[in-house]
N, C-alpha and C. Protein backbone atom coordinates (compact mmCIF):
# COMPACT_ATOMS: atom_id res chain seq x y z
N UNK A 1 2.39 -4.02 -20.55
CA UNK A 1 3.76 -3.99 -20.34
C UNK A 1 4.37 -5.63 -19.87
N UNK A 2 5.92 -5.50 -20.64
CA UNK A 2 6.76 -6.66 -20.56
C UNK A 2 7.09 -7.07 -19.10
N UNK A 3 6.92 -8.25 -18.66
CA UNK A 3 7.37 -9.20 -17.70
C UNK A 3 6.55 -8.86 -16.26
N UNK A 4 5.30 -8.47 -16.66
CA UNK A 4 4.06 -8.06 -15.71
C UNK A 4 3.60 -9.03 -15.22
N UNK A 5 3.57 -9.22 -13.92
CA UNK A 5 2.69 -10.45 -13.24
C UNK A 5 1.66 -10.16 -12.33
N UNK A 6 0.65 -10.88 -12.59
CA UNK A 6 -0.73 -10.70 -11.80
C UNK A 6 -0.86 -11.70 -11.14
N UNK A 7 -1.46 -11.84 -9.83
CA UNK A 7 -1.57 -12.95 -8.83
C UNK A 7 -3.01 -12.59 -7.90
N UNK A 8 -4.01 -12.72 -8.48
CA UNK A 8 -5.51 -12.44 -7.83
C UNK A 8 -5.45 -13.03 -6.27
N UNK A 9 -5.83 -12.82 -5.30
CA UNK A 9 -5.63 -13.68 -4.38
C UNK A 9 -7.18 -13.20 -3.57
N UNK A 10 -7.63 -13.97 -2.67
CA UNK A 10 -8.52 -13.66 -1.93
C UNK A 10 -8.63 -14.08 -0.64
N UNK A 11 -8.86 -13.31 0.31
CA UNK A 11 -8.25 -13.68 1.76
C UNK A 11 -9.38 -12.98 2.53
N UNK A 12 -10.47 -13.78 3.44
CA UNK A 12 -11.09 -13.70 4.53
C UNK A 12 -11.97 -12.45 4.01
N UNK A 13 -12.23 -12.53 2.82
CA UNK A 13 -13.34 -11.38 2.35
C UNK A 13 -12.98 -10.19 1.63
N UNK A 14 -11.30 -10.02 1.55
CA UNK A 14 -10.76 -8.69 1.08
C UNK A 14 -10.13 -9.65 -0.01
N UNK A 15 -10.12 -9.28 -0.84
CA UNK A 15 -9.35 -9.68 -2.41
C UNK A 15 -8.30 -8.72 -2.48
N UNK A 16 -7.35 -9.42 -3.09
CA UNK A 16 -5.78 -8.50 -3.66
C UNK A 16 -5.19 -9.07 -4.73
N UNK A 17 -4.74 -8.16 -5.45
CA UNK A 17 -3.99 -8.37 -6.72
C UNK A 17 -2.46 -7.98 -6.70
N UNK A 18 -1.75 -8.83 -7.08
CA UNK A 18 0.07 -8.34 -7.27
C UNK A 18 0.17 -8.34 -8.23
N UNK A 19 0.53 -6.98 -9.09
CA UNK A 19 1.26 -6.72 -9.96
C UNK A 19 2.28 -6.19 -10.48
N UNK A 20 3.61 -6.81 -10.99
CA UNK A 20 4.92 -6.04 -11.38
C UNK A 20 4.47 -5.29 -12.52
N UNK A 21 4.91 -3.65 -12.13
CA UNK A 21 4.73 -3.14 -13.35
C UNK A 21 6.14 -3.15 -14.04
N UNK A 22 7.26 -3.21 -13.40
CA UNK A 22 8.60 -3.58 -13.86
C UNK A 22 9.55 -4.18 -12.69
N UNK A 23 10.63 -4.40 -12.94
CA UNK A 23 11.93 -5.03 -11.35
C UNK A 23 11.40 -3.97 -10.47
N UNK A 24 11.59 -2.88 -10.52
CA UNK A 24 11.21 -1.81 -9.51
C UNK A 24 10.25 -1.61 -8.65
N UNK A 25 8.96 -1.72 -9.60
CA UNK A 25 7.69 -1.21 -9.24
C UNK A 25 6.84 -2.45 -8.92
N UNK A 26 5.84 -2.53 -8.10
CA UNK A 26 4.67 -3.53 -7.62
C UNK A 26 3.71 -2.61 -7.27
N UNK A 27 2.62 -3.08 -7.81
CA UNK A 27 1.06 -2.55 -7.35
C UNK A 27 0.24 -3.66 -6.63
N UNK A 28 -0.25 -3.62 -5.84
CA UNK A 28 -1.06 -4.52 -4.87
C UNK A 28 -2.35 -3.58 -5.22
N UNK A 29 -3.18 -4.11 -5.58
CA UNK A 29 -4.59 -3.56 -5.96
C UNK A 29 -5.83 -4.44 -4.72
N UNK A 30 -6.25 -3.72 -3.98
CA UNK A 30 -7.52 -4.35 -3.04
C UNK A 30 -8.58 -4.26 -3.37
N UNK A 31 -9.83 -4.97 -2.65
CA UNK A 31 -10.58 -5.07 -2.89
C UNK A 31 -11.57 -5.50 -2.10
N UNK A 32 -13.10 -5.60 -2.41
CA UNK A 32 -13.87 -6.11 -1.06
C UNK A 32 -13.85 -5.75 0.04
N UNK A 33 -14.07 -6.43 1.18
CA UNK A 33 -14.33 -5.73 2.80
C UNK A 33 -12.68 -5.68 3.29
N UNK A 34 -11.98 -4.81 3.72
CA UNK A 34 -11.12 -4.46 4.05
C UNK A 34 -11.02 -5.35 5.59
N UNK A 35 -9.86 -5.79 5.88
CA UNK A 35 -9.75 -6.85 7.19
C UNK A 35 -8.58 -6.40 7.89
N UNK A 36 -7.94 -6.89 8.92
CA UNK A 36 -6.70 -6.82 9.37
C UNK A 36 -6.08 -8.27 8.74
N UNK A 37 -7.33 -9.36 8.39
CA UNK A 37 -6.43 -10.38 8.07
C UNK A 37 -6.20 -10.71 6.67
N UNK A 38 -7.06 -9.80 5.67
CA UNK A 38 -6.56 -9.89 4.18
C UNK A 38 -5.39 -8.58 4.30
N UNK A 39 -5.03 -7.71 5.03
CA UNK A 39 -3.97 -7.16 4.77
C UNK A 39 -2.63 -7.83 5.33
N UNK A 40 -2.99 -8.67 6.60
CA UNK A 40 -1.77 -9.97 6.97
C UNK A 40 -1.77 -10.77 5.58
N UNK A 41 -2.68 -11.30 5.00
CA UNK A 41 -2.51 -12.33 3.79
C UNK A 41 -1.66 -11.28 2.91
N UNK A 42 -2.07 -10.20 2.31
CA UNK A 42 -1.15 -9.29 1.50
C UNK A 42 0.32 -9.23 1.64
N UNK A 43 0.53 -8.81 2.82
CA UNK A 43 1.99 -8.33 3.66
C UNK A 43 2.19 -9.93 3.35
N UNK A 44 2.26 -11.04 4.04
CA UNK A 44 2.79 -12.18 3.70
C UNK A 44 3.07 -12.55 2.02
N UNK A 45 2.25 -12.42 1.29
CA UNK A 45 1.97 -12.68 -0.21
C UNK A 45 3.19 -11.56 -0.66
N UNK A 46 3.19 -10.55 -0.17
CA UNK A 46 4.03 -9.71 -0.68
C UNK A 46 5.47 -10.12 -0.20
N UNK A 47 5.92 -10.18 0.86
CA UNK A 47 7.20 -10.62 2.06
C UNK A 47 7.60 -11.85 1.04
N UNK A 48 6.86 -12.75 0.37
CA UNK A 48 7.34 -14.57 0.08
C UNK A 48 7.82 -14.13 -1.11
N UNK A 49 7.57 -13.00 -1.52
CA UNK A 49 7.81 -12.99 -3.24
C UNK A 49 9.11 -13.03 -3.66
N UNK A 50 9.66 -13.60 -4.19
CA UNK A 50 11.29 -13.68 -4.52
C UNK A 50 11.30 -12.31 -5.67
N UNK A 51 10.88 -11.74 -6.26
CA UNK A 51 11.15 -10.46 -7.03
C UNK A 51 11.19 -9.02 -5.93
N UNK A 52 10.77 -9.16 -4.88
CA UNK A 52 10.85 -8.51 -4.12
C UNK A 52 12.19 -8.11 -3.08
N UNK A 53 12.56 -7.04 -3.66
CA UNK A 53 14.16 -6.86 -2.76
C UNK A 53 14.35 -5.60 -2.48
N UNK A 54 15.32 -5.26 -1.56
CA UNK A 54 15.50 -3.66 -1.29
C UNK A 54 15.69 -2.95 -2.97
N UNK A 55 14.89 -1.41 -2.65
CA UNK A 55 14.97 -0.86 -3.88
C UNK A 55 13.47 -1.05 -4.47
N UNK A 56 12.95 -1.66 -4.37
CA UNK A 56 11.65 -1.72 -5.08
C UNK A 56 10.47 -1.09 -4.51
N UNK A 57 9.96 -0.47 -5.07
CA UNK A 57 8.87 0.39 -4.66
C UNK A 57 7.58 -0.08 -4.62
N UNK A 58 6.50 0.20 -3.70
CA UNK A 58 5.31 -0.69 -3.57
C UNK A 58 4.22 0.81 -3.64
N UNK A 59 3.28 0.13 -4.36
CA UNK A 59 1.96 0.91 -4.42
C UNK A 59 1.01 0.14 -3.85
N UNK A 60 0.30 0.71 -3.20
CA UNK A 60 -1.17 -0.18 -2.64
C UNK A 60 -2.61 0.46 -3.24
N UNK A 61 -3.24 0.03 -3.90
CA UNK A 61 -4.11 0.55 -4.36
C UNK A 61 -5.64 0.21 -3.70
N UNK A 62 -6.15 0.91 -3.07
CA UNK A 62 -7.13 0.57 -2.07
C UNK A 62 -8.55 1.55 -2.81
N UNK A 63 -8.79 1.80 -4.08
CA UNK A 63 -9.87 2.37 -4.38
C UNK A 63 -10.81 1.55 -4.56
N UNK A 64 -10.89 0.26 -4.60
CA UNK A 64 -12.00 -0.45 -4.76
C UNK A 64 -12.06 -1.14 -3.55
N UNK A 65 -11.66 -1.00 -2.60
CA UNK A 65 -11.83 -1.81 -0.93
C UNK A 65 -12.86 -0.81 -0.16
N UNK A 66 -13.74 -1.75 0.46
CA UNK A 66 -14.59 -1.11 1.48
C UNK A 66 -13.94 -0.86 2.98
N UNK A 67 -13.41 0.16 3.20
CA UNK A 67 -12.78 0.36 4.70
C UNK A 67 -13.98 0.95 5.67
N UNK A 68 -15.34 0.87 5.34
CA UNK A 68 -16.25 0.97 6.55
C UNK A 68 -16.24 0.68 7.87
N UNK A 69 -16.01 -0.47 7.86
CA UNK A 69 -15.96 -1.23 8.95
C UNK A 69 -14.67 -1.14 9.57
N UNK A 70 -13.58 -0.92 9.08
CA UNK A 70 -12.65 -0.67 10.19
C UNK A 70 -12.05 0.18 10.87
N UNK A 71 -11.72 0.17 12.31
CA UNK A 71 -11.45 0.97 13.57
C UNK A 71 -10.37 1.33 13.65
N UNK A 72 -9.61 2.61 13.96
CA UNK A 72 -8.97 3.06 14.18
C UNK A 72 -7.90 2.33 14.91
N UNK A 73 -8.16 1.39 15.87
CA UNK A 73 -7.25 0.41 16.06
C UNK A 73 -6.76 -0.44 15.38
N UNK A 74 -7.66 -0.81 14.35
CA UNK A 74 -7.36 -2.01 13.31
C UNK A 74 -6.37 -1.72 12.35
N UNK A 75 -6.55 0.00 12.32
CA UNK A 75 -5.51 0.60 11.54
C UNK A 75 -4.55 0.52 11.82
N UNK A 76 -4.07 0.47 13.15
CA UNK A 76 -2.60 0.32 13.64
C UNK A 76 -2.37 -0.94 13.67
N UNK A 77 -2.81 -1.92 13.74
CA UNK A 77 -2.67 -2.80 13.68
C UNK A 77 -2.05 -3.53 12.18
N UNK A 78 -2.65 -2.40 11.51
CA UNK A 78 -2.33 -2.69 10.01
C UNK A 78 -1.00 -2.09 9.80
N UNK A 79 -0.58 -0.88 10.70
CA UNK A 79 0.78 -0.59 10.51
C UNK A 79 1.48 -1.40 11.12
N UNK A 80 1.13 -2.34 12.27
CA UNK A 80 2.10 -3.02 12.90
C UNK A 80 2.40 -3.75 12.59
N UNK A 81 1.69 -4.67 11.36
CA UNK A 81 2.05 -5.65 10.08
C UNK A 81 2.90 -5.34 9.51
N UNK A 82 2.85 -3.64 9.03
CA UNK A 82 4.14 -3.35 7.94
C UNK A 82 5.34 -3.48 8.88
N UNK A 83 5.35 -2.86 9.80
CA UNK A 83 6.71 -3.19 10.57
C UNK A 83 7.13 -4.72 11.08
N UNK A 84 6.17 -5.64 11.06
CA UNK A 84 6.41 -7.06 11.17
C UNK A 84 7.08 -7.61 10.02
N UNK A 85 6.74 -6.73 8.69
CA UNK A 85 7.04 -7.18 7.67
C UNK A 85 8.25 -6.56 7.11
N UNK A 86 8.89 -5.33 7.77
CA UNK A 86 9.60 -4.35 7.05
C UNK A 86 10.94 -5.03 6.49
N UNK A 87 11.15 -5.63 7.11
CA UNK A 87 12.87 -6.56 6.46
C UNK A 87 12.39 -6.96 4.99
N UNK A 88 11.31 -7.61 4.70
CA UNK A 88 10.93 -7.75 3.59
C UNK A 88 9.87 -7.21 2.51
N UNK A 89 9.47 -6.11 3.02
CA UNK A 89 8.80 -5.16 2.17
C UNK A 89 9.82 -3.82 1.90
N UNK A 90 8.91 -3.81 0.59
CA UNK A 90 9.92 -2.40 0.19
C UNK A 90 9.52 -1.07 1.47
N UNK A 91 10.94 -0.43 1.68
CA UNK A 91 11.05 0.98 2.59
C UNK A 91 9.94 1.99 1.92
N UNK A 92 10.14 2.09 0.64
CA UNK A 92 9.56 3.44 0.38
C UNK A 92 8.17 2.73 -0.59
N UNK A 93 6.70 3.00 0.24
CA UNK A 93 5.41 2.81 -0.28
C UNK A 93 4.39 3.85 -0.70
N UNK A 94 3.55 3.77 -1.65
CA UNK A 94 2.42 4.92 -1.67
C UNK A 94 1.08 4.05 -1.76
N UNK A 95 0.45 4.88 -0.96
CA UNK A 95 -1.24 4.47 -0.77
C UNK A 95 -1.85 5.34 -1.53
N UNK A 96 -2.85 4.45 -2.59
CA UNK A 96 -3.95 5.11 -3.29
C UNK A 96 -5.15 5.10 -2.77
N UNK A 97 -5.93 5.90 -2.59
CA UNK A 97 -7.44 6.10 -1.98
C UNK A 97 -8.36 6.41 -2.87
N UNK A 98 -8.10 7.24 -4.16
CA UNK A 98 -9.18 7.80 -4.90
C UNK A 98 -9.86 8.96 -4.27
N UNK A 99 -10.27 9.59 -5.29
CA UNK A 99 -10.59 11.02 -4.93
C UNK A 99 -12.02 11.09 -4.42
N UNK A 100 -13.18 10.19 -4.64
CA UNK A 100 -14.51 10.28 -4.04
C UNK A 100 -14.50 9.69 -2.76
N UNK A 101 -13.56 9.27 -1.78
CA UNK A 101 -13.71 8.82 -0.46
C UNK A 101 -12.75 9.50 0.90
N UNK A 102 -13.70 10.66 1.28
CA UNK A 102 -13.02 11.34 2.37
C UNK A 102 -12.65 10.18 3.39
N UNK A 103 -13.42 9.19 3.59
CA UNK A 103 -12.90 8.12 4.98
C UNK A 103 -11.85 6.95 4.39
N UNK A 104 -11.86 6.65 3.00
CA UNK A 104 -10.71 6.15 2.86
C UNK A 104 -9.24 7.02 2.85
N UNK A 105 -9.21 8.66 2.53
CA UNK A 105 -8.10 9.34 2.38
C UNK A 105 -7.85 9.42 3.88
N UNK A 106 -9.37 9.34 5.23
CA UNK A 106 -8.44 9.57 6.67
C UNK A 106 -7.91 8.82 6.88
N UNK A 107 -8.57 7.24 6.58
CA UNK A 107 -8.10 6.30 7.43
C UNK A 107 -6.39 5.82 6.75
N UNK A 108 -6.55 6.32 5.70
CA UNK A 108 -5.29 6.14 5.15
C UNK A 108 -4.38 7.22 5.31
N UNK A 109 -4.75 8.27 5.82
CA UNK A 109 -3.43 9.29 6.28
C UNK A 109 -3.10 8.88 7.97
N UNK A 110 -4.22 8.31 8.76
CA UNK A 110 -3.81 7.98 9.71
C UNK A 110 -3.19 6.86 9.99
N UNK A 111 -3.20 5.55 8.97
CA UNK A 111 -1.88 4.64 8.62
C UNK A 111 -0.65 5.29 8.45
N UNK A 112 -0.71 6.31 7.63
CA UNK A 112 0.92 6.71 7.35
C UNK A 112 1.34 7.53 8.31
N UNK A 113 0.46 7.94 9.30
CA UNK A 113 0.90 8.38 10.91
C UNK A 113 1.35 7.31 11.42
N UNK A 114 0.46 6.37 11.75
CA UNK A 114 1.53 5.15 12.85
C UNK A 114 2.80 4.52 11.85
N UNK A 115 2.87 4.89 10.30
CA UNK A 115 3.63 3.99 9.92
C UNK A 115 5.26 4.80 9.94
N UNK A 116 4.55 5.98 9.86
CA UNK A 116 5.89 7.07 9.47
C UNK A 116 6.38 6.93 11.37
N UNK A 117 6.05 6.48 12.29
CA UNK A 117 6.76 6.37 14.06
C UNK A 117 7.45 4.98 13.64
N UNK A 118 8.06 4.22 12.39
CA UNK A 118 8.25 2.86 12.66
C UNK A 118 9.84 3.19 11.21
N UNK A 119 10.91 2.93 12.16
CA UNK A 119 12.13 3.47 11.54
C UNK A 119 12.18 3.04 10.03
N UNK A 120 12.70 3.39 9.49
CA UNK A 120 13.41 2.79 8.05
C UNK A 120 12.26 2.63 6.83
N UNK A 121 10.83 3.42 7.15
CA UNK A 121 9.76 3.54 6.16
C UNK A 121 9.78 4.83 5.44
N UNK A 122 9.10 5.02 4.26
CA UNK A 122 8.64 6.00 4.01
C UNK A 122 7.12 6.00 3.36
N UNK A 123 5.85 6.18 3.71
CA UNK A 123 4.86 5.89 3.43
C UNK A 123 3.86 6.92 2.82
N UNK A 124 3.38 7.55 1.71
CA UNK A 124 2.63 8.48 1.92
C UNK A 124 1.37 8.14 1.27
N UNK A 125 0.20 8.49 1.08
CA UNK A 125 -0.90 8.68 0.59
C UNK A 125 -1.56 9.57 -0.52
N UNK A 126 -1.89 9.01 -1.69
CA UNK A 126 -2.48 9.76 -2.53
C UNK A 126 -3.53 9.81 -3.12
N UNK A 127 -4.46 10.52 -3.91
CA UNK A 127 -5.69 10.34 -4.21
C UNK A 127 -5.42 9.18 -5.74
N UNK A 128 -4.46 9.13 -6.58
CA UNK A 128 -4.42 8.82 -7.68
C UNK A 128 -2.95 7.98 -8.19
N UNK A 129 -2.82 6.73 -8.93
CA UNK A 129 -2.20 6.71 -9.03
C UNK A 129 -0.86 7.19 -9.74
N UNK A 130 -1.30 7.84 -10.49
CA UNK A 130 -0.45 8.91 -11.76
C UNK A 130 0.41 9.66 -10.46
N UNK A 131 -0.18 10.29 -9.38
CA UNK A 131 0.40 10.68 -7.96
C UNK A 131 1.66 9.87 -7.14
N UNK A 132 0.89 8.92 -6.87
CA UNK A 132 1.87 7.87 -6.17
C UNK A 132 3.00 7.60 -7.12
N UNK A 133 2.79 7.51 -8.65
CA UNK A 133 4.13 7.02 -9.29
C UNK A 133 4.86 7.95 -9.34
N UNK A 134 4.37 9.25 -9.32
CA UNK A 134 5.45 10.69 -9.85
C UNK A 134 5.99 10.91 -8.65
N UNK A 135 5.24 10.54 -7.20
CA UNK A 135 6.11 10.64 -5.98
C UNK A 135 7.35 9.59 -6.13
N UNK A 136 6.97 8.19 -6.23
CA UNK A 136 8.07 7.10 -6.15
C UNK A 136 9.22 7.45 -7.07
N UNK A 137 8.82 7.92 -8.43
CA UNK A 137 9.73 8.37 -9.10
C UNK A 137 10.74 9.30 -9.17
N UNK A 138 9.76 10.43 -8.44
CA UNK A 138 10.56 11.64 -8.22
C UNK A 138 10.45 12.40 -9.59
N UNK A 139 9.36 12.14 -10.25
CA UNK A 139 9.36 12.88 -11.79
C UNK A 139 8.42 13.92 -11.74
N UNK A 140 7.51 14.23 -10.72
CA UNK A 140 6.78 15.31 -10.46
C UNK A 140 6.49 15.99 -9.10
N UNK A 141 7.41 17.46 -8.51
CA UNK A 141 7.50 17.40 -7.85
C UNK A 141 6.02 17.74 -6.81
N UNK A 142 5.22 18.33 -8.00
CA UNK A 142 3.80 18.86 -7.35
C UNK A 142 2.83 17.74 -6.93
N UNK A 143 3.42 16.47 -7.03
CA UNK A 143 2.80 15.36 -6.69
C UNK A 143 3.23 15.08 -5.32
N UNK A 144 4.17 15.55 -4.65
CA UNK A 144 4.67 14.96 -3.45
C UNK A 144 3.90 15.73 -2.09
N UNK A 145 3.42 14.86 -1.13
CA UNK A 145 2.55 15.57 -0.07
C UNK A 145 3.04 16.79 0.16
N UNK A 146 2.51 17.57 0.87
CA UNK A 146 2.89 18.92 1.50
C UNK A 146 3.71 18.17 3.14
N UNK A 147 4.73 19.08 3.01
CA UNK A 147 5.64 19.00 4.29
C UNK A 147 4.61 19.16 5.43
N UNK A 148 4.70 18.22 6.55
CA UNK A 148 4.35 18.66 8.11
C UNK A 148 4.99 19.42 9.09
């Protein structure tokens, strides 16, 4: 893809890569052992990126991250980080957790619930990158999450 930028970053055991798909869509891919510090480093990197501006959609792909050590309190801390950086990070975001991990999906939904309590954000969790893109782009109503 043209204009694609990839920035791999290692932070406290958790790695992430920021990839600009186009000027309106950025994908962060996480791997390694998930940690609050790793998520904070990712949010700082995103917030300081001059390409990030209002109207940019964000997908965070967690299919390769180990979340087994995260607690509910840490998920809430990560959601609080989202609120802290909300002025600089996309208002609409999708998390991709993969189809093979009920734990990642459950923690993703917990994050979604915490984040939904914060004004100005719309975050949804999906099993695949394709579903996330379809929701953000509005191209596939079947990919949208069930109303709660």
